[in-house]
N, C-alpha and C. Protein backbone atom coordinates (compact mmCIF):
# COMPACT_ATOMS: atom_id res chain seq x y z
N MET A 1 0.85 -1.20 0.00
CA MET A 1 0.00 0.00 0.00
C MET A 1 0.88 1.25 0.00
N LYS A 2 0.65 2.16 -0.93
CA LYS A 2 1.45 3.37 -1.03
C LYS A 2 1.19 4.30 0.16
N LYS A 3 2.27 4.84 0.72
CA LYS A 3 2.17 5.71 1.88
C LYS A 3 2.07 7.18 1.45
N ILE A 4 1.05 7.86 1.96
CA ILE A 4 0.83 9.28 1.66
C ILE A 4 0.95 10.09 2.95
N ILE A 5 1.93 10.97 3.02
CA ILE A 5 2.08 11.85 4.18
C ILE A 5 1.09 13.01 4.05
N ILE A 6 0.40 13.33 5.15
CA ILE A 6 -0.57 14.43 5.16
C ILE A 6 -0.19 15.42 6.26
N SER A 7 -0.05 16.70 5.87
CA SER A 7 0.20 17.73 6.87
C SER A 7 -1.08 18.01 7.66
N GLN A 8 -0.93 18.62 8.84
CA GLN A 8 -2.08 18.88 9.70
C GLN A 8 -2.15 20.35 10.11
N ARG A 9 -3.34 20.75 10.58
CA ARG A 9 -3.48 22.07 11.19
C ARG A 9 -2.64 22.12 12.45
N PHE A 10 -2.16 23.32 12.78
CA PHE A 10 -1.38 23.54 14.00
C PHE A 10 -2.06 24.68 14.74
N GLU A 11 -2.77 24.35 15.83
CA GLU A 11 -3.65 25.33 16.46
C GLU A 11 -3.57 25.31 17.98
N LYS A 12 -3.92 26.43 18.58
CA LYS A 12 -4.10 26.50 20.02
C LYS A 12 -5.54 26.12 20.34
N ILE A 13 -5.70 25.12 21.19
CA ILE A 13 -7.02 24.55 21.46
C ILE A 13 -7.37 24.66 22.94
N GLY A 14 -8.63 25.00 23.21
CA GLY A 14 -9.17 24.92 24.56
C GLY A 14 -8.74 26.00 25.52
N LYS A 15 -9.17 25.84 26.76
CA LYS A 15 -8.98 26.82 27.81
C LYS A 15 -7.49 27.11 28.06
N PHE A 16 -6.66 26.07 27.96
CA PHE A 16 -5.24 26.23 28.27
C PHE A 16 -4.39 26.48 27.02
N LYS A 17 -5.06 26.72 25.89
CA LYS A 17 -4.36 27.07 24.64
C LYS A 17 -3.26 26.06 24.29
N GLU A 18 -3.61 24.77 24.42
CA GLU A 18 -2.65 23.73 24.07
C GLU A 18 -2.38 23.74 22.57
N LEU A 19 -1.13 23.61 22.19
CA LEU A 19 -0.78 23.52 20.78
C LEU A 19 -1.02 22.09 20.31
N ARG A 20 -1.90 21.94 19.32
CA ARG A 20 -2.25 20.61 18.85
C ARG A 20 -2.25 20.52 17.33
N ASP A 21 -1.89 19.35 16.84
CA ASP A 21 -2.09 19.02 15.43
C ASP A 21 -3.48 18.43 15.30
N ASN A 22 -4.18 18.76 14.20
CA ASN A 22 -5.48 18.12 13.98
C ASN A 22 -5.81 18.10 12.49
N LEU A 23 -6.72 17.20 12.13
CA LEU A 23 -7.07 16.98 10.74
C LEU A 23 -8.49 16.43 10.67
N ASP A 24 -9.23 16.84 9.65
CA ASP A 24 -10.57 16.31 9.40
C ASP A 24 -10.45 14.81 9.09
N THR A 25 -11.11 13.98 9.89
CA THR A 25 -11.02 12.53 9.70
C THR A 25 -11.60 12.08 8.36
N ARG A 26 -12.45 12.91 7.75
CA ARG A 26 -13.01 12.55 6.45
C ARG A 26 -11.92 12.46 5.39
N LEU A 27 -10.84 13.23 5.56
CA LEU A 27 -9.75 13.18 4.58
C LEU A 27 -8.98 11.86 4.68
N THR A 28 -8.62 11.47 5.90
CA THR A 28 -7.90 10.20 6.05
C THR A 28 -8.78 9.02 5.62
N ASN A 29 -10.08 9.09 5.90
CA ASN A 29 -10.99 8.04 5.46
C ASN A 29 -11.03 7.93 3.94
N LEU A 30 -11.06 9.08 3.27
CA LEU A 30 -11.08 9.09 1.81
C LEU A 30 -9.80 8.48 1.24
N ILE A 31 -8.66 8.86 1.78
CA ILE A 31 -7.38 8.35 1.28
C ILE A 31 -7.30 6.84 1.47
N LEU A 32 -7.79 6.35 2.61
CA LEU A 32 -7.83 4.90 2.84
C LEU A 32 -8.74 4.19 1.84
N LYS A 33 -9.91 4.77 1.59
CA LYS A 33 -10.86 4.16 0.66
C LYS A 33 -10.30 4.08 -0.76
N LEU A 34 -9.41 5.03 -1.08
CA LEU A 34 -8.81 5.04 -2.42
C LEU A 34 -7.62 4.09 -2.53
N GLY A 35 -7.31 3.39 -1.46
CA GLY A 35 -6.26 2.37 -1.51
C GLY A 35 -4.88 2.83 -1.10
N PHE A 36 -4.79 3.98 -0.42
CA PHE A 36 -3.50 4.49 0.05
C PHE A 36 -3.46 4.48 1.57
N LEU A 37 -2.25 4.52 2.13
CA LEU A 37 -2.08 4.54 3.58
C LEU A 37 -1.74 5.96 4.03
N PRO A 38 -2.69 6.65 4.70
CA PRO A 38 -2.41 8.02 5.16
C PRO A 38 -1.52 8.02 6.40
N ILE A 39 -0.49 8.84 6.38
CA ILE A 39 0.41 8.98 7.53
C ILE A 39 0.45 10.46 7.90
N LEU A 40 0.01 10.78 9.12
CA LEU A 40 -0.10 12.17 9.54
C LEU A 40 1.25 12.72 9.99
N LEU A 41 1.53 13.92 9.52
CA LEU A 41 2.82 14.56 9.82
C LEU A 41 2.68 15.47 11.04
N PRO A 42 3.48 15.24 12.08
CA PRO A 42 3.48 16.17 13.21
C PRO A 42 4.04 17.52 12.77
N SER A 43 3.49 18.60 13.29
CA SER A 43 3.97 19.94 12.95
C SER A 43 5.19 20.28 13.79
N ASN A 44 6.30 19.64 13.49
CA ASN A 44 7.54 19.88 14.21
C ASN A 44 8.65 19.97 13.19
N SER A 45 8.93 21.18 12.72
CA SER A 45 9.82 21.36 11.58
C SER A 45 11.26 20.91 11.86
N ARG A 46 11.64 20.79 13.12
CA ARG A 46 13.00 20.36 13.44
C ARG A 46 13.25 18.90 13.07
N ASN A 47 12.19 18.09 13.09
CA ASN A 47 12.36 16.66 12.83
C ASN A 47 11.67 16.19 11.54
N VAL A 48 11.11 17.10 10.77
CA VAL A 48 10.33 16.71 9.61
C VAL A 48 11.15 15.94 8.59
N LEU A 49 12.31 16.42 8.26
CA LEU A 49 13.11 15.78 7.22
C LEU A 49 13.50 14.36 7.61
N ARG A 50 13.88 14.18 8.86
CA ARG A 50 14.22 12.84 9.35
C ARG A 50 12.98 11.93 9.28
N TYR A 51 11.85 12.46 9.68
CA TYR A 51 10.58 11.72 9.71
C TYR A 51 10.20 11.24 8.31
N ILE A 52 10.24 12.15 7.33
CA ILE A 52 9.79 11.76 5.99
C ILE A 52 10.82 10.87 5.29
N ASN A 53 12.09 11.02 5.61
CA ASN A 53 13.10 10.11 5.05
C ASN A 53 12.91 8.69 5.57
N GLU A 54 12.54 8.57 6.85
CA GLU A 54 12.30 7.26 7.45
C GLU A 54 11.07 6.59 6.81
N ILE A 55 10.03 7.39 6.55
CA ILE A 55 8.79 6.85 6.00
C ILE A 55 8.93 6.53 4.52
N SER A 56 9.69 7.34 3.80
CA SER A 56 9.86 7.19 2.35
C SER A 56 8.50 7.14 1.64
N PRO A 57 7.76 8.26 1.67
CA PRO A 57 6.39 8.27 1.14
C PRO A 57 6.35 8.20 -0.39
N SER A 58 5.21 7.73 -0.88
CA SER A 58 4.95 7.73 -2.33
C SER A 58 4.30 9.02 -2.77
N GLY A 59 3.78 9.78 -1.82
CA GLY A 59 3.12 11.04 -2.14
C GLY A 59 2.90 11.87 -0.89
N ILE A 60 2.51 13.12 -1.11
CA ILE A 60 2.30 14.07 -0.01
C ILE A 60 1.03 14.86 -0.26
N ILE A 61 0.26 15.11 0.80
CA ILE A 61 -0.90 16.00 0.73
C ILE A 61 -0.70 17.14 1.71
N LEU A 62 -0.84 18.37 1.20
CA LEU A 62 -0.91 19.54 2.08
C LEU A 62 -2.40 19.77 2.34
N SER A 63 -2.80 19.62 3.57
CA SER A 63 -4.22 19.56 3.91
C SER A 63 -4.89 20.93 3.96
N GLU A 64 -6.19 20.88 4.17
CA GLU A 64 -7.03 22.07 4.18
C GLU A 64 -7.06 22.71 5.56
N GLY A 65 -7.68 23.89 5.63
CA GLY A 65 -7.97 24.54 6.91
C GLY A 65 -6.83 25.37 7.47
N GLY A 66 -7.13 26.65 7.75
CA GLY A 66 -6.14 27.51 8.37
C GLY A 66 -5.61 28.57 7.43
N ASN A 67 -4.75 29.40 7.98
CA ASN A 67 -4.18 30.53 7.27
C ASN A 67 -2.89 30.12 6.55
N PRO A 68 -2.87 30.14 5.21
CA PRO A 68 -1.67 29.68 4.48
C PRO A 68 -0.49 30.64 4.59
N LYS A 69 -0.73 31.87 5.08
CA LYS A 69 0.36 32.85 5.19
C LYS A 69 1.02 32.85 6.57
N LYS A 70 0.39 32.21 7.54
CA LYS A 70 0.90 32.24 8.91
C LYS A 70 2.19 31.43 9.01
N LYS A 71 3.27 32.10 9.39
CA LYS A 71 4.57 31.44 9.42
C LYS A 71 4.82 30.78 10.77
N ASP A 72 4.23 29.61 10.93
CA ASP A 72 4.34 28.83 12.16
C ASP A 72 5.01 27.49 11.85
N GLU A 73 4.91 26.55 12.78
CA GLU A 73 5.52 25.23 12.59
C GLU A 73 4.97 24.53 11.35
N ARG A 74 3.68 24.66 11.12
CA ARG A 74 3.08 24.02 9.95
C ARG A 74 3.65 24.60 8.66
N TYR A 75 3.75 25.91 8.60
CA TYR A 75 4.29 26.60 7.42
C TYR A 75 5.70 26.09 7.12
N ASN A 76 6.53 26.02 8.16
CA ASN A 76 7.91 25.57 7.99
C ASN A 76 7.98 24.10 7.59
N SER A 77 7.12 23.27 8.21
CA SER A 77 7.09 21.84 7.87
C SER A 77 6.68 21.64 6.42
N GLU A 78 5.69 22.41 5.98
CA GLU A 78 5.22 22.26 4.60
C GLU A 78 6.25 22.75 3.60
N LYS A 79 7.06 23.72 3.98
CA LYS A 79 8.16 24.15 3.10
C LYS A 79 9.14 23.00 2.90
N ILE A 80 9.44 22.29 3.97
CA ILE A 80 10.33 21.12 3.87
C ILE A 80 9.69 20.05 3.00
N LEU A 81 8.38 19.82 3.15
CA LEU A 81 7.68 18.83 2.33
C LEU A 81 7.74 19.20 0.85
N LEU A 82 7.52 20.46 0.55
CA LEU A 82 7.56 20.93 -0.85
C LEU A 82 8.94 20.72 -1.45
N ASN A 83 9.97 21.06 -0.71
CA ASN A 83 11.34 20.88 -1.21
C ASN A 83 11.70 19.40 -1.36
N PHE A 84 11.25 18.59 -0.41
CA PHE A 84 11.50 17.15 -0.46
C PHE A 84 10.82 16.53 -1.69
N ALA A 85 9.56 16.89 -1.91
CA ALA A 85 8.81 16.33 -3.05
C ALA A 85 9.44 16.74 -4.37
N SER A 86 9.94 17.97 -4.43
CA SER A 86 10.60 18.45 -5.65
C SER A 86 11.90 17.68 -5.90
N LYS A 87 12.69 17.50 -4.85
CA LYS A 87 13.96 16.81 -4.98
C LYS A 87 13.78 15.34 -5.34
N LYS A 88 12.79 14.68 -4.70
CA LYS A 88 12.58 13.25 -4.89
C LYS A 88 11.65 12.92 -6.05
N LYS A 89 11.08 13.96 -6.67
CA LYS A 89 10.17 13.79 -7.81
C LYS A 89 8.96 12.93 -7.45
N ILE A 90 8.36 13.21 -6.29
CA ILE A 90 7.16 12.48 -5.90
C ILE A 90 5.95 13.43 -5.96
N PRO A 91 4.76 12.90 -6.20
CA PRO A 91 3.57 13.75 -6.33
C PRO A 91 3.15 14.40 -5.03
N LEU A 92 2.65 15.62 -5.16
CA LEU A 92 2.16 16.38 -4.01
C LEU A 92 0.86 17.07 -4.40
N LEU A 93 -0.14 16.91 -3.56
CA LEU A 93 -1.46 17.51 -3.78
C LEU A 93 -1.78 18.49 -2.67
N GLY A 94 -2.14 19.72 -3.04
CA GLY A 94 -2.61 20.70 -2.07
C GLY A 94 -4.12 20.82 -2.17
N ILE A 95 -4.80 20.67 -1.03
CA ILE A 95 -6.27 20.76 -1.00
C ILE A 95 -6.67 22.07 -0.33
N CYS A 96 -7.33 22.94 -1.06
CA CYS A 96 -7.80 24.25 -0.61
C CYS A 96 -6.66 25.07 0.02
N ARG A 97 -6.57 25.14 1.33
CA ARG A 97 -5.48 25.89 1.95
C ARG A 97 -4.12 25.34 1.50
N GLY A 98 -4.06 24.03 1.27
CA GLY A 98 -2.83 23.42 0.76
C GLY A 98 -2.47 23.92 -0.62
N ALA A 99 -3.49 24.14 -1.47
CA ALA A 99 -3.26 24.71 -2.80
C ALA A 99 -2.79 26.15 -2.69
N GLN A 100 -3.37 26.89 -1.76
CA GLN A 100 -2.94 28.27 -1.51
C GLN A 100 -1.48 28.30 -1.06
N ARG A 101 -1.12 27.32 -0.24
CA ARG A 101 0.26 27.23 0.27
C ARG A 101 1.24 26.97 -0.88
N ILE A 102 0.86 26.11 -1.83
CA ILE A 102 1.71 25.87 -3.00
C ILE A 102 1.88 27.16 -3.78
N ASN A 103 0.78 27.86 -3.99
CA ASN A 103 0.84 29.11 -4.75
C ASN A 103 1.77 30.13 -4.09
N ILE A 104 1.69 30.25 -2.77
CA ILE A 104 2.57 31.15 -2.03
C ILE A 104 4.03 30.72 -2.18
N HIS A 105 4.27 29.42 -2.10
CA HIS A 105 5.63 28.88 -2.20
C HIS A 105 6.29 29.28 -3.51
N PHE A 106 5.49 29.36 -4.57
CA PHE A 106 6.02 29.72 -5.88
C PHE A 106 5.78 31.20 -6.23
N LYS A 107 5.70 32.00 -5.17
CA LYS A 107 5.62 33.47 -5.28
C LYS A 107 4.32 33.97 -5.91
N GLY A 108 3.26 33.19 -5.76
CA GLY A 108 1.94 33.63 -6.22
C GLY A 108 1.28 34.53 -5.18
N LYS A 109 0.11 35.04 -5.50
CA LYS A 109 -0.60 35.96 -4.61
C LYS A 109 -1.99 35.44 -4.27
N LEU A 110 -2.53 35.95 -3.17
CA LEU A 110 -3.90 35.64 -2.74
C LEU A 110 -4.64 36.94 -2.52
N ARG A 111 -5.97 36.89 -2.67
CA ARG A 111 -6.79 38.05 -2.33
C ARG A 111 -8.14 37.57 -1.80
N LYS A 112 -8.81 38.46 -1.10
CA LYS A 112 -10.15 38.16 -0.61
C LYS A 112 -11.10 38.05 -1.79
N ILE A 113 -11.97 37.03 -1.76
CA ILE A 113 -12.96 36.85 -2.82
C ILE A 113 -14.33 36.61 -2.20
N LYS A 114 -15.37 36.76 -3.01
CA LYS A 114 -16.74 36.57 -2.53
C LYS A 114 -17.38 35.36 -3.22
N ASN A 115 -18.40 34.82 -2.57
CA ASN A 115 -19.22 33.73 -3.12
C ASN A 115 -18.46 32.43 -3.33
N HIS A 116 -17.49 32.15 -2.45
CA HIS A 116 -16.79 30.87 -2.52
C HIS A 116 -16.79 30.13 -1.18
N VAL A 117 -17.67 30.53 -0.28
CA VAL A 117 -17.82 29.84 1.00
C VAL A 117 -19.18 29.16 1.03
N ARG A 118 -19.17 27.84 1.21
CA ARG A 118 -20.38 27.03 1.20
C ARG A 118 -21.18 27.23 -0.10
N LYS A 119 -20.46 27.20 -1.20
CA LYS A 119 -21.06 27.35 -2.53
C LYS A 119 -20.64 26.19 -3.42
N LYS A 120 -21.36 26.01 -4.51
CA LYS A 120 -20.99 25.04 -5.55
C LYS A 120 -20.65 25.82 -6.82
N HIS A 121 -19.63 25.35 -7.52
CA HIS A 121 -19.20 26.03 -8.74
C HIS A 121 -18.95 25.01 -9.85
N PHE A 122 -19.40 25.34 -11.06
CA PHE A 122 -18.98 24.58 -12.23
C PHE A 122 -17.57 25.04 -12.58
N ILE A 123 -16.71 24.09 -12.93
CA ILE A 123 -15.35 24.45 -13.33
C ILE A 123 -15.12 24.05 -14.78
N SER A 124 -14.26 24.78 -15.44
CA SER A 124 -13.95 24.48 -16.83
C SER A 124 -12.48 24.72 -17.10
N GLY A 125 -11.94 23.95 -18.03
CA GLY A 125 -10.53 24.07 -18.39
C GLY A 125 -10.19 23.09 -19.48
N PRO A 126 -8.95 23.12 -19.95
CA PRO A 126 -8.55 22.29 -21.09
C PRO A 126 -8.71 20.79 -20.87
N SER A 127 -8.58 20.33 -19.62
CA SER A 127 -8.66 18.89 -19.37
C SER A 127 -9.90 18.50 -18.56
N ILE A 128 -10.87 19.41 -18.46
CA ILE A 128 -12.06 19.17 -17.64
C ILE A 128 -13.27 18.91 -18.53
N ILE A 129 -13.97 17.81 -18.24
CA ILE A 129 -15.21 17.52 -18.95
C ILE A 129 -16.27 18.52 -18.51
N LYS A 130 -17.09 18.97 -19.44
CA LYS A 130 -18.15 19.93 -19.10
C LYS A 130 -19.10 19.33 -18.08
N GLY A 131 -19.58 20.21 -17.20
CA GLY A 131 -20.56 19.77 -16.21
C GLY A 131 -19.98 19.35 -14.88
N ILE A 132 -18.67 19.49 -14.69
CA ILE A 132 -18.07 19.14 -13.40
C ILE A 132 -18.36 20.27 -12.41
N LYS A 133 -18.94 19.88 -11.26
CA LYS A 133 -19.31 20.85 -10.23
C LYS A 133 -18.59 20.48 -8.94
N VAL A 134 -17.99 21.48 -8.30
CA VAL A 134 -17.24 21.22 -7.07
C VAL A 134 -17.73 22.14 -5.95
N ASN A 135 -17.47 21.71 -4.70
CA ASN A 135 -17.82 22.55 -3.56
C ASN A 135 -16.77 23.64 -3.36
N SER A 136 -17.06 24.57 -2.49
CA SER A 136 -16.15 25.69 -2.27
C SER A 136 -16.30 26.19 -0.84
N TYR A 137 -15.15 26.30 -0.12
CA TYR A 137 -15.17 26.72 1.28
C TYR A 137 -14.01 27.66 1.57
N HIS A 138 -13.76 28.63 0.69
CA HIS A 138 -12.62 29.52 0.92
C HIS A 138 -12.96 30.96 0.58
N ASP A 139 -12.42 31.89 1.36
CA ASP A 139 -12.63 33.31 1.07
C ASP A 139 -11.36 34.00 0.61
N LEU A 140 -10.29 33.22 0.43
CA LEU A 140 -9.07 33.69 -0.22
C LEU A 140 -8.90 32.91 -1.51
N GLY A 141 -8.55 33.60 -2.58
CA GLY A 141 -8.39 32.93 -3.86
C GLY A 141 -7.46 33.69 -4.77
N PHE A 142 -7.39 33.25 -6.01
CA PHE A 142 -6.50 33.88 -6.98
C PHE A 142 -6.98 33.57 -8.39
N ASN A 143 -6.71 34.51 -9.30
CA ASN A 143 -7.02 34.27 -10.71
C ASN A 143 -5.74 33.83 -11.42
N LYS A 144 -5.83 33.64 -12.74
CA LYS A 144 -4.68 33.12 -13.49
C LYS A 144 -3.45 34.03 -13.40
N LYS A 145 -3.68 35.34 -13.35
CA LYS A 145 -2.56 36.28 -13.29
C LYS A 145 -1.84 36.24 -11.94
N MET A 146 -2.51 35.70 -10.93
CA MET A 146 -1.93 35.65 -9.59
C MET A 146 -1.26 34.31 -9.28
N LEU A 147 -1.27 33.39 -10.24
CA LEU A 147 -0.62 32.10 -10.04
C LEU A 147 0.89 32.28 -9.91
N GLY A 148 1.49 31.42 -9.07
CA GLY A 148 2.93 31.46 -8.87
C GLY A 148 3.71 31.02 -10.10
N LYS A 149 5.03 31.18 -10.01
CA LYS A 149 5.91 30.84 -11.12
C LYS A 149 5.80 29.36 -11.50
N LYS A 150 5.63 29.11 -12.79
CA LYS A 150 5.57 27.77 -13.37
C LYS A 150 4.35 26.97 -12.92
N LEU A 151 3.34 27.65 -12.38
CA LEU A 151 2.07 26.98 -12.08
C LEU A 151 1.11 27.24 -13.23
N ASN A 152 0.56 26.18 -13.78
CA ASN A 152 -0.33 26.29 -14.94
C ASN A 152 -1.77 26.02 -14.53
N ASN A 153 -2.66 26.91 -14.92
CA ASN A 153 -4.08 26.74 -14.63
C ASN A 153 -4.66 25.58 -15.42
N LEU A 154 -5.41 24.72 -14.73
CA LEU A 154 -6.11 23.61 -15.38
C LEU A 154 -7.62 23.80 -15.39
N ALA A 155 -8.13 24.60 -14.46
CA ALA A 155 -9.58 24.85 -14.43
C ALA A 155 -9.89 26.06 -13.56
N THR A 156 -10.90 26.81 -13.99
CA THR A 156 -11.39 27.95 -13.21
C THR A 156 -12.89 27.84 -13.02
N SER A 157 -13.40 28.60 -12.05
CA SER A 157 -14.84 28.73 -11.88
C SER A 157 -15.33 29.79 -12.86
N ASN A 158 -16.64 29.96 -12.96
CA ASN A 158 -17.22 30.91 -13.92
C ASN A 158 -16.78 32.35 -13.66
N ASP A 159 -16.40 32.67 -12.42
CA ASP A 159 -15.97 34.03 -12.10
C ASP A 159 -14.46 34.22 -12.21
N GLY A 160 -13.78 33.25 -12.81
CA GLY A 160 -12.35 33.39 -13.11
C GLY A 160 -11.39 33.03 -11.99
N ILE A 161 -11.91 32.41 -10.92
CA ILE A 161 -11.04 31.99 -9.82
C ILE A 161 -10.44 30.62 -10.14
N VAL A 162 -9.12 30.51 -9.99
CA VAL A 162 -8.44 29.24 -10.27
C VAL A 162 -8.90 28.19 -9.27
N LYS A 163 -9.29 27.04 -9.79
CA LYS A 163 -9.75 25.94 -8.94
C LYS A 163 -8.85 24.71 -9.01
N TYR A 164 -8.01 24.64 -10.05
CA TYR A 164 -7.20 23.45 -10.26
C TYR A 164 -5.97 23.86 -11.05
N PHE A 165 -4.79 23.49 -10.56
CA PHE A 165 -3.56 23.87 -11.26
C PHE A 165 -2.49 22.79 -11.08
N LYS A 166 -1.45 22.91 -11.90
CA LYS A 166 -0.32 21.97 -11.86
C LYS A 166 0.98 22.72 -12.11
N HIS A 167 2.04 22.26 -11.48
CA HIS A 167 3.36 22.82 -11.72
C HIS A 167 3.93 22.28 -13.04
N GLU A 168 4.67 23.11 -13.74
CA GLU A 168 5.23 22.73 -15.04
C GLU A 168 6.18 21.55 -14.95
N ASN A 169 7.04 21.55 -13.94
CA ASN A 169 8.10 20.54 -13.85
C ASN A 169 7.89 19.50 -12.77
N ASN A 170 7.40 19.94 -11.61
CA ASN A 170 7.16 19.01 -10.50
C ASN A 170 5.78 18.39 -10.60
N LEU A 171 5.60 17.29 -9.88
CA LEU A 171 4.29 16.63 -9.83
C LEU A 171 3.45 17.25 -8.72
N PHE A 172 3.30 18.57 -8.79
CA PHE A 172 2.55 19.33 -7.79
C PHE A 172 1.21 19.74 -8.38
N PHE A 173 0.14 19.44 -7.63
CA PHE A 173 -1.21 19.79 -8.05
C PHE A 173 -1.92 20.52 -6.93
N GLY A 174 -2.79 21.45 -7.28
CA GLY A 174 -3.60 22.15 -6.29
C GLY A 174 -5.05 22.14 -6.70
N ILE A 175 -5.94 21.83 -5.76
CA ILE A 175 -7.38 21.90 -6.00
C ILE A 175 -8.02 22.79 -4.94
N MET A 176 -8.88 23.70 -5.37
CA MET A 176 -9.52 24.63 -4.44
C MET A 176 -10.94 24.18 -4.10
N TRP A 177 -11.05 22.90 -3.76
CA TRP A 177 -12.31 22.36 -3.24
C TRP A 177 -11.98 21.20 -2.31
N HIS A 178 -13.00 20.62 -1.68
CA HIS A 178 -12.82 19.59 -0.66
C HIS A 178 -13.52 18.29 -1.07
N PRO A 179 -12.83 17.37 -1.71
CA PRO A 179 -13.46 16.09 -2.07
C PRO A 179 -14.00 15.35 -0.86
N GLU A 180 -13.31 15.48 0.28
CA GLU A 180 -13.69 14.72 1.48
C GLU A 180 -14.98 15.22 2.12
N ARG A 181 -15.43 16.42 1.77
CA ARG A 181 -16.63 16.98 2.42
C ARG A 181 -17.93 16.61 1.71
N ASP A 182 -17.84 16.08 0.52
CA ASP A 182 -19.06 15.65 -0.18
C ASP A 182 -19.60 14.38 0.46
N ARG A 183 -20.91 14.32 0.58
CA ARG A 183 -21.53 13.13 1.19
C ARG A 183 -21.13 11.87 0.44
N GLU A 184 -21.09 11.98 -0.87
CA GLU A 184 -20.60 10.89 -1.70
C GLU A 184 -19.53 11.45 -2.64
N VAL A 185 -18.32 10.94 -2.51
CA VAL A 185 -17.20 11.46 -3.31
C VAL A 185 -17.45 11.13 -4.78
N SER A 186 -17.27 12.15 -5.62
CA SER A 186 -17.57 11.98 -7.05
C SER A 186 -16.54 11.10 -7.75
N TYR A 187 -16.96 10.52 -8.86
CA TYR A 187 -16.05 9.72 -9.68
C TYR A 187 -14.88 10.59 -10.14
N PHE A 188 -15.17 11.84 -10.51
CA PHE A 188 -14.14 12.76 -10.96
C PHE A 188 -13.06 12.95 -9.89
N ASP A 189 -13.47 13.17 -8.64
CA ASP A 189 -12.50 13.38 -7.56
C ASP A 189 -11.70 12.12 -7.26
N LYS A 190 -12.38 10.97 -7.25
CA LYS A 190 -11.67 9.70 -7.01
C LYS A 190 -10.61 9.47 -8.06
N LYS A 191 -10.98 9.67 -9.31
CA LYS A 191 -10.03 9.44 -10.42
C LYS A 191 -8.88 10.44 -10.36
N LEU A 192 -9.20 11.70 -10.06
CA LEU A 192 -8.16 12.73 -10.00
C LEU A 192 -7.11 12.38 -8.96
N ILE A 193 -7.54 12.02 -7.76
CA ILE A 193 -6.60 11.70 -6.68
C ILE A 193 -5.83 10.43 -6.99
N LYS A 194 -6.49 9.40 -7.52
CA LYS A 194 -5.81 8.16 -7.87
C LYS A 194 -4.78 8.39 -8.95
N ASP A 195 -5.12 9.21 -9.94
CA ASP A 195 -4.18 9.49 -11.04
C ASP A 195 -2.95 10.23 -10.54
N ILE A 196 -3.14 11.15 -9.59
CA ILE A 196 -2.01 11.91 -9.06
C ILE A 196 -1.02 10.99 -8.34
N PHE A 197 -1.55 10.05 -7.54
CA PHE A 197 -0.69 9.20 -6.72
C PHE A 197 -0.46 7.81 -7.28
N ARG A 198 -0.87 7.59 -8.52
CA ARG A 198 -0.74 6.28 -9.14
C ARG A 198 0.72 5.84 -9.16
């Protein structure tokens, strides 16, 4: 079974503001259902490189949720993951905030947008079959002009917001929706994720 490392949120939780890693269990359930072994990455940038070298993953997911610009342990850990994936030529998928993080890594920009929180959008692009509809839970986004260096747009929503992109040279992909949040994961999403980590 191919091992997929998944980054986690790094947050202060509860009355005593404990620093905790956390992740939506629907994402790990989806990755398991697709035939991969999800391995959660602790947000500890001092040991990340040793950790991922020991695991020797087949792929990496930068997960959803949180501020992609906040320079904390998660930000630093994900920078190491991005560099590792580039060096080792392994696939990396950014989901929503994870896609934003990829864009920032390659010097792209983000801006506040409207009508992308708890909404559905049809997406279109050169490799997208007509009629594909995805969910949307983000108020930060970017258009094609705001994409980072060597990131190519694969699909946008009707209002011109990038929803799906790929790096020119690395096996890096970003999607600005949440496959794990749909009650029933679409065939399109299952195939997309399987193809990335095949």
